[in-house]
N, C-alpha and C. Protein backbone atom coordinates (compact mmCIF):
# COMPACT_ATOMS: atom_id res chain seq x y z
N MET A 1 13.00 -11.28 23.52
CA MET A 1 13.09 -9.85 23.79
C MET A 1 14.08 -9.18 22.85
N LYS A 2 15.22 -9.83 22.64
CA LYS A 2 16.23 -9.27 21.75
C LYS A 2 15.68 -9.15 20.32
N SER A 3 14.89 -10.14 19.91
CA SER A 3 14.31 -10.10 18.57
C SER A 3 13.38 -8.90 18.40
N MET A 4 12.62 -8.54 19.41
CA MET A 4 11.71 -7.40 19.30
C MET A 4 12.49 -6.08 19.24
N ALA A 5 13.61 -6.02 19.95
CA ALA A 5 14.45 -4.82 19.86
C ALA A 5 15.01 -4.69 18.44
N ILE A 6 15.45 -5.79 17.88
CA ILE A 6 15.95 -5.79 16.50
C ILE A 6 14.83 -5.42 15.55
N ALA A 7 13.64 -5.97 15.77
CA ALA A 7 12.49 -5.66 14.92
C ALA A 7 12.14 -4.18 15.00
N THR A 8 12.27 -3.59 16.17
CA THR A 8 11.97 -2.16 16.34
C THR A 8 12.97 -1.32 15.56
N VAL A 9 14.25 -1.65 15.67
CA VAL A 9 15.27 -0.92 14.92
C VAL A 9 15.04 -1.08 13.42
N ALA A 10 14.71 -2.29 12.98
CA ALA A 10 14.44 -2.53 11.57
C ALA A 10 13.24 -1.71 11.11
N TRP A 11 12.20 -1.60 11.95
CA TRP A 11 11.04 -0.82 11.59
C TRP A 11 11.40 0.67 11.48
N LEU A 12 12.26 1.15 12.37
CA LEU A 12 12.69 2.56 12.29
C LEU A 12 13.45 2.81 10.99
N VAL A 13 14.28 1.86 10.58
CA VAL A 13 14.97 1.96 9.29
C VAL A 13 13.92 1.99 8.17
N LEU A 14 12.95 1.10 8.28
CA LEU A 14 11.87 1.04 7.30
C LEU A 14 11.11 2.37 7.25
N LEU A 15 10.84 2.94 8.40
CA LEU A 15 10.14 4.23 8.47
C LEU A 15 10.91 5.30 7.71
N VAL A 16 12.21 5.40 7.96
CA VAL A 16 13.03 6.40 7.27
C VAL A 16 13.00 6.17 5.76
N LEU A 17 13.16 4.92 5.34
CA LEU A 17 13.15 4.62 3.91
C LEU A 17 11.80 4.91 3.26
N MET A 18 10.73 4.66 3.98
CA MET A 18 9.40 4.92 3.43
C MET A 18 9.11 6.43 3.35
N VAL A 19 9.61 7.19 4.31
CA VAL A 19 9.47 8.64 4.25
C VAL A 19 10.26 9.17 3.05
N LEU A 20 11.46 8.64 2.85
CA LEU A 20 12.25 9.02 1.67
C LEU A 20 11.52 8.64 0.39
N ASN A 21 10.90 7.48 0.36
CA ASN A 21 10.12 7.04 -0.79
C ASN A 21 9.02 8.06 -1.11
N GLY A 22 8.31 8.50 -0.09
CA GLY A 22 7.27 9.51 -0.30
C GLY A 22 7.83 10.84 -0.75
N GLY A 23 8.97 11.21 -0.20
CA GLY A 23 9.62 12.46 -0.61
C GLY A 23 10.08 12.42 -2.05
N ILE A 24 10.62 11.28 -2.47
CA ILE A 24 11.04 11.12 -3.86
C ILE A 24 9.82 11.20 -4.78
N ARG A 25 8.74 10.54 -4.37
CA ARG A 25 7.50 10.61 -5.16
C ARG A 25 7.05 12.06 -5.32
N ASP A 26 6.97 12.77 -4.22
CA ASP A 26 6.45 14.14 -4.27
C ASP A 26 7.35 15.09 -5.05
N SER A 27 8.66 14.89 -4.94
CA SER A 27 9.57 15.83 -5.59
C SER A 27 9.95 15.46 -7.02
N LEU A 28 9.86 14.19 -7.38
CA LEU A 28 10.35 13.80 -8.71
C LEU A 28 9.27 13.40 -9.71
N TYR A 29 8.31 12.61 -9.30
CA TYR A 29 7.42 12.09 -10.33
C TYR A 29 5.93 12.24 -10.07
N ALA A 30 5.53 12.87 -8.99
CA ALA A 30 4.10 13.06 -8.73
C ALA A 30 3.47 13.99 -9.77
N ARG A 31 4.13 15.07 -10.07
CA ARG A 31 3.56 16.03 -11.02
C ARG A 31 3.49 15.45 -12.44
N PRO A 32 4.58 14.87 -12.97
CA PRO A 32 4.48 14.36 -14.34
C PRO A 32 3.53 13.16 -14.48
N LEU A 33 3.47 12.30 -13.48
CA LEU A 33 2.62 11.11 -13.59
C LEU A 33 1.17 11.37 -13.18
N GLY A 34 0.97 12.30 -12.28
CA GLY A 34 -0.35 12.52 -11.69
C GLY A 34 -0.43 11.79 -10.36
N GLU A 35 -1.37 12.20 -9.52
CA GLU A 35 -1.45 11.68 -8.16
C GLU A 35 -1.66 10.17 -8.10
N GLY A 36 -2.64 9.65 -8.83
CA GLY A 36 -2.95 8.23 -8.78
C GLY A 36 -1.79 7.34 -9.20
N PRO A 37 -1.26 7.54 -10.41
CA PRO A 37 -0.13 6.71 -10.84
C PRO A 37 1.10 6.88 -9.95
N ALA A 38 1.34 8.09 -9.46
CA ALA A 38 2.49 8.31 -8.59
C ALA A 38 2.35 7.53 -7.29
N HIS A 39 1.15 7.50 -6.73
CA HIS A 39 0.93 6.72 -5.51
C HIS A 39 1.08 5.23 -5.78
N ALA A 40 0.67 4.78 -6.95
CA ALA A 40 0.83 3.37 -7.30
C ALA A 40 2.32 3.01 -7.39
N VAL A 41 3.10 3.84 -8.08
CA VAL A 41 4.54 3.60 -8.19
C VAL A 41 5.19 3.63 -6.81
N SER A 42 4.81 4.60 -6.01
CA SER A 42 5.36 4.72 -4.66
C SER A 42 4.99 3.53 -3.79
N SER A 43 3.76 3.05 -3.92
CA SER A 43 3.33 1.88 -3.15
C SER A 43 4.12 0.64 -3.55
N LEU A 44 4.29 0.44 -4.84
CA LEU A 44 5.07 -0.71 -5.30
C LEU A 44 6.52 -0.61 -4.85
N ALA A 45 7.09 0.59 -4.92
CA ALA A 45 8.46 0.79 -4.42
C ALA A 45 8.51 0.51 -2.92
N GLY A 46 7.48 0.93 -2.19
CA GLY A 46 7.42 0.67 -0.76
C GLY A 46 7.38 -0.81 -0.44
N ILE A 47 6.65 -1.56 -1.22
CA ILE A 47 6.59 -3.02 -1.01
C ILE A 47 7.97 -3.63 -1.22
N VAL A 48 8.69 -3.18 -2.24
CA VAL A 48 10.05 -3.67 -2.47
C VAL A 48 10.95 -3.32 -1.29
N VAL A 49 10.81 -2.11 -0.77
CA VAL A 49 11.61 -1.68 0.39
C VAL A 49 11.30 -2.56 1.60
N ILE A 50 10.04 -2.83 1.84
CA ILE A 50 9.64 -3.68 2.98
C ILE A 50 10.26 -5.06 2.87
N LEU A 51 10.18 -5.64 1.70
CA LEU A 51 10.75 -6.98 1.51
C LEU A 51 12.27 -6.95 1.65
N ALA A 52 12.91 -5.90 1.16
CA ALA A 52 14.37 -5.79 1.28
C ALA A 52 14.80 -5.63 2.74
N VAL A 53 14.08 -4.81 3.50
CA VAL A 53 14.41 -4.63 4.92
C VAL A 53 14.15 -5.93 5.68
N SER A 54 13.08 -6.61 5.35
CA SER A 54 12.80 -7.90 5.99
C SER A 54 13.94 -8.88 5.73
N CYS A 55 14.38 -8.95 4.49
CA CYS A 55 15.46 -9.85 4.11
C CYS A 55 16.75 -9.48 4.83
N ALA A 56 17.08 -8.19 4.84
CA ALA A 56 18.31 -7.73 5.50
C ALA A 56 18.27 -8.04 7.00
N MET A 57 17.13 -7.81 7.63
CA MET A 57 17.01 -8.10 9.06
C MET A 57 17.28 -9.57 9.33
N LEU A 58 16.76 -10.42 8.49
CA LEU A 58 16.92 -11.87 8.70
C LEU A 58 18.35 -12.33 8.38
N ARG A 59 18.97 -11.73 7.42
CA ARG A 59 20.33 -12.15 7.05
C ARG A 59 21.39 -11.64 8.00
N TRP A 60 21.22 -10.43 8.51
CA TRP A 60 22.31 -9.77 9.23
C TRP A 60 22.10 -9.63 10.73
N THR A 61 21.03 -10.18 11.26
CA THR A 61 20.79 -10.08 12.69
C THR A 61 20.41 -11.44 13.26
N PRO A 62 20.53 -11.60 14.56
CA PRO A 62 20.13 -12.86 15.19
C PRO A 62 18.66 -12.92 15.59
N VAL A 63 17.79 -12.32 14.78
CA VAL A 63 16.36 -12.32 15.10
C VAL A 63 15.83 -13.76 15.02
N ALA A 64 14.88 -14.06 15.86
CA ALA A 64 14.26 -15.39 15.86
C ALA A 64 13.61 -15.64 14.50
N ARG A 65 13.77 -16.85 13.98
CA ARG A 65 13.30 -17.15 12.63
C ARG A 65 12.17 -18.17 12.57
N SER A 66 11.58 -18.49 13.68
CA SER A 66 10.45 -19.43 13.64
C SER A 66 9.29 -18.75 12.93
N PRO A 67 8.42 -19.52 12.29
CA PRO A 67 7.25 -18.90 11.64
C PRO A 67 6.45 -18.01 12.60
N ARG A 68 6.25 -18.49 13.80
CA ARG A 68 5.49 -17.69 14.79
C ARG A 68 6.18 -16.37 15.07
N ALA A 69 7.50 -16.41 15.29
CA ALA A 69 8.25 -15.18 15.58
C ALA A 69 8.18 -14.21 14.41
N LEU A 70 8.26 -14.72 13.19
CA LEU A 70 8.22 -13.85 12.02
C LEU A 70 6.84 -13.25 11.80
N TRP A 71 5.78 -14.01 12.10
CA TRP A 71 4.43 -13.44 12.05
C TRP A 71 4.27 -12.35 13.11
N LEU A 72 4.86 -12.58 14.29
CA LEU A 72 4.78 -11.56 15.34
C LEU A 72 5.49 -10.28 14.91
N VAL A 73 6.65 -10.41 14.27
CA VAL A 73 7.37 -9.23 13.79
C VAL A 73 6.52 -8.50 12.76
N GLY A 74 5.95 -9.23 11.81
CA GLY A 74 5.10 -8.60 10.80
C GLY A 74 3.90 -7.90 11.40
N GLY A 75 3.26 -8.54 12.37
CA GLY A 75 2.13 -7.91 13.05
C GLY A 75 2.54 -6.68 13.83
N TYR A 76 3.68 -6.77 14.48
CA TYR A 76 4.23 -5.64 15.24
C TYR A 76 4.51 -4.47 14.30
N TRP A 77 5.19 -4.75 13.19
CA TRP A 77 5.47 -3.70 12.21
C TRP A 77 4.19 -3.07 11.69
N THR A 78 3.18 -3.88 11.42
CA THR A 78 1.92 -3.37 10.89
C THR A 78 1.25 -2.46 11.91
N LEU A 79 1.22 -2.88 13.17
CA LEU A 79 0.63 -2.03 14.21
C LEU A 79 1.40 -0.73 14.38
N LEU A 80 2.73 -0.80 14.36
CA LEU A 80 3.54 0.42 14.46
C LEU A 80 3.25 1.35 13.28
N THR A 81 3.11 0.78 12.10
CA THR A 81 2.86 1.59 10.90
C THR A 81 1.51 2.29 10.99
N ILE A 82 0.49 1.56 11.39
CA ILE A 82 -0.84 2.16 11.51
C ILE A 82 -0.84 3.22 12.61
N ALA A 83 -0.19 2.93 13.72
CA ALA A 83 -0.10 3.93 14.81
C ALA A 83 0.62 5.18 14.33
N PHE A 84 1.72 5.00 13.60
CA PHE A 84 2.45 6.15 13.07
C PHE A 84 1.56 6.95 12.13
N GLU A 85 0.85 6.25 11.26
CA GLU A 85 -0.02 6.93 10.30
C GLU A 85 -1.07 7.77 11.02
N ILE A 86 -1.67 7.21 12.04
CA ILE A 86 -2.70 7.94 12.79
C ILE A 86 -2.10 9.13 13.52
N VAL A 87 -1.03 8.89 14.26
CA VAL A 87 -0.43 9.98 15.05
C VAL A 87 0.13 11.07 14.14
N PHE A 88 0.92 10.68 13.15
CA PHE A 88 1.57 11.69 12.32
C PHE A 88 0.59 12.38 11.39
N PHE A 89 -0.12 11.59 10.58
CA PHE A 89 -0.95 12.21 9.55
C PHE A 89 -2.21 12.87 10.10
N HIS A 90 -2.82 12.30 11.13
CA HIS A 90 -4.04 12.92 11.65
C HIS A 90 -3.72 13.98 12.70
N TYR A 91 -2.98 13.59 13.72
CA TYR A 91 -2.80 14.49 14.86
C TYR A 91 -1.71 15.53 14.65
N ILE A 92 -0.69 15.24 13.85
CA ILE A 92 0.38 16.22 13.64
C ILE A 92 0.16 16.99 12.34
N SER A 93 -0.10 16.29 11.23
CA SER A 93 -0.27 16.96 9.94
C SER A 93 -1.68 17.49 9.73
N GLY A 94 -2.62 17.03 10.53
CA GLY A 94 -3.98 17.55 10.46
C GLY A 94 -4.84 16.99 9.34
N ARG A 95 -4.44 15.86 8.76
CA ARG A 95 -5.28 15.24 7.73
C ARG A 95 -6.55 14.69 8.39
N SER A 96 -7.65 14.81 7.66
CA SER A 96 -8.92 14.31 8.20
C SER A 96 -8.93 12.79 8.14
N TRP A 97 -9.87 12.20 8.90
CA TRP A 97 -10.04 10.75 8.85
C TRP A 97 -10.46 10.31 7.46
N GLN A 98 -11.23 11.15 6.77
CA GLN A 98 -11.65 10.84 5.40
C GLN A 98 -10.45 10.77 4.47
N GLU A 99 -9.53 11.71 4.61
CA GLU A 99 -8.32 11.70 3.76
C GLU A 99 -7.47 10.46 4.03
N ILE A 100 -7.32 10.12 5.29
CA ILE A 100 -6.53 8.93 5.65
C ILE A 100 -7.24 7.68 5.13
N GLY A 101 -8.54 7.62 5.33
CA GLY A 101 -9.31 6.46 4.88
C GLY A 101 -9.29 6.30 3.36
N ALA A 102 -9.16 7.39 2.62
CA ALA A 102 -9.13 7.32 1.15
C ALA A 102 -7.96 6.49 0.66
N ASP A 103 -6.87 6.47 1.41
CA ASP A 103 -5.70 5.67 1.01
C ASP A 103 -5.97 4.17 1.07
N TYR A 104 -7.04 3.77 1.73
CA TYR A 104 -7.40 2.35 1.84
C TYR A 104 -8.39 1.90 0.76
N ASN A 105 -8.79 2.81 -0.11
CA ASN A 105 -9.81 2.51 -1.11
C ASN A 105 -9.17 1.92 -2.38
N VAL A 106 -9.08 0.61 -2.42
CA VAL A 106 -8.49 -0.09 -3.56
C VAL A 106 -9.31 0.16 -4.82
N MET A 107 -10.61 0.33 -4.67
CA MET A 107 -11.48 0.55 -5.83
C MET A 107 -11.17 1.88 -6.53
N LYS A 108 -10.51 2.77 -5.82
CA LYS A 108 -10.10 4.05 -6.42
C LYS A 108 -8.61 4.05 -6.76
N GLY A 109 -8.03 2.87 -6.85
CA GLY A 109 -6.64 2.75 -7.27
C GLY A 109 -5.61 2.95 -6.17
N ARG A 110 -6.05 3.05 -4.95
CA ARG A 110 -5.11 3.24 -3.84
C ARG A 110 -4.59 1.89 -3.38
N LEU A 111 -3.30 1.78 -3.21
CA LEU A 111 -2.66 0.50 -2.93
C LEU A 111 -2.11 0.38 -1.52
N TRP A 112 -2.46 1.32 -0.65
CA TRP A 112 -1.92 1.31 0.71
C TRP A 112 -2.21 0.00 1.44
N VAL A 113 -3.35 -0.59 1.19
CA VAL A 113 -3.71 -1.86 1.83
C VAL A 113 -2.65 -2.92 1.50
N PHE A 114 -2.15 -2.90 0.27
CA PHE A 114 -1.14 -3.88 -0.14
C PHE A 114 0.21 -3.60 0.51
N VAL A 115 0.49 -2.33 0.79
CA VAL A 115 1.71 -1.98 1.52
C VAL A 115 1.62 -2.54 2.94
N LEU A 116 0.46 -2.37 3.57
CA LEU A 116 0.27 -2.93 4.92
C LEU A 116 0.33 -4.45 4.90
N LEU A 117 -0.24 -5.06 3.87
CA LEU A 117 -0.17 -6.51 3.75
C LEU A 117 1.28 -6.97 3.60
N ALA A 118 2.06 -6.26 2.81
CA ALA A 118 3.49 -6.59 2.67
C ALA A 118 4.22 -6.42 4.00
N THR A 119 3.82 -5.41 4.76
CA THR A 119 4.42 -5.19 6.08
C THR A 119 4.12 -6.37 7.00
N LEU A 120 2.90 -6.87 6.93
CA LEU A 120 2.50 -8.00 7.76
C LEU A 120 3.22 -9.30 7.35
N ILE A 121 3.24 -9.58 6.06
CA ILE A 121 3.76 -10.89 5.62
C ILE A 121 5.25 -10.85 5.24
N GLY A 122 5.81 -9.65 5.08
CA GLY A 122 7.20 -9.53 4.64
C GLY A 122 8.20 -10.35 5.43
N PRO A 123 8.24 -10.22 6.77
CA PRO A 123 9.21 -11.03 7.53
C PRO A 123 9.00 -12.53 7.35
N ARG A 124 7.75 -12.97 7.36
CA ARG A 124 7.49 -14.42 7.19
C ARG A 124 7.86 -14.88 5.78
N LEU A 125 7.51 -14.10 4.79
CA LEU A 125 7.84 -14.44 3.40
C LEU A 125 9.34 -14.50 3.19
N MET A 126 10.05 -13.51 3.69
CA MET A 126 11.51 -13.50 3.53
C MET A 126 12.18 -14.57 4.39
N GLY A 127 11.48 -14.98 5.46
CA GLY A 127 12.00 -16.10 6.27
C GLY A 127 12.06 -17.38 5.48
N ASN A 128 11.20 -17.51 4.49
CA ASN A 128 11.23 -18.68 3.61
C ASN A 128 12.36 -18.58 2.59
N VAL A 129 12.82 -17.37 2.29
CA VAL A 129 13.82 -17.15 1.25
C VAL A 129 15.23 -17.19 1.81
N THR A 130 15.40 -16.63 3.02
CA THR A 130 16.76 -16.53 3.57
C THR A 130 17.18 -17.79 4.28
């Protein structure tokens, strides 16, 4: 139970950092790079952030470190992220399902799927490193 509370706090930190990542993209380099390349840079930066938060959580907290526990944390984070995306972007910001779904289209250069994959495997991967 304590590990899930820690995982929740870590995810909230991750949420803040990812929102900042998007804000930096929109304010600094989206216009000069263009939408596609800017999203790619932002996605790659997001993956680095996910791995860094995973590593920090494992190094500085007493979270359970068994492979099963780390997969559960990654799955939990992924579900929270998808739920946030649906609630915030669709129901609060008013983006259509088509717009949200477009972020999952790897064939059009969108890398969001890889961000979600990093969210899922990040805790387990960093559990091997720390």
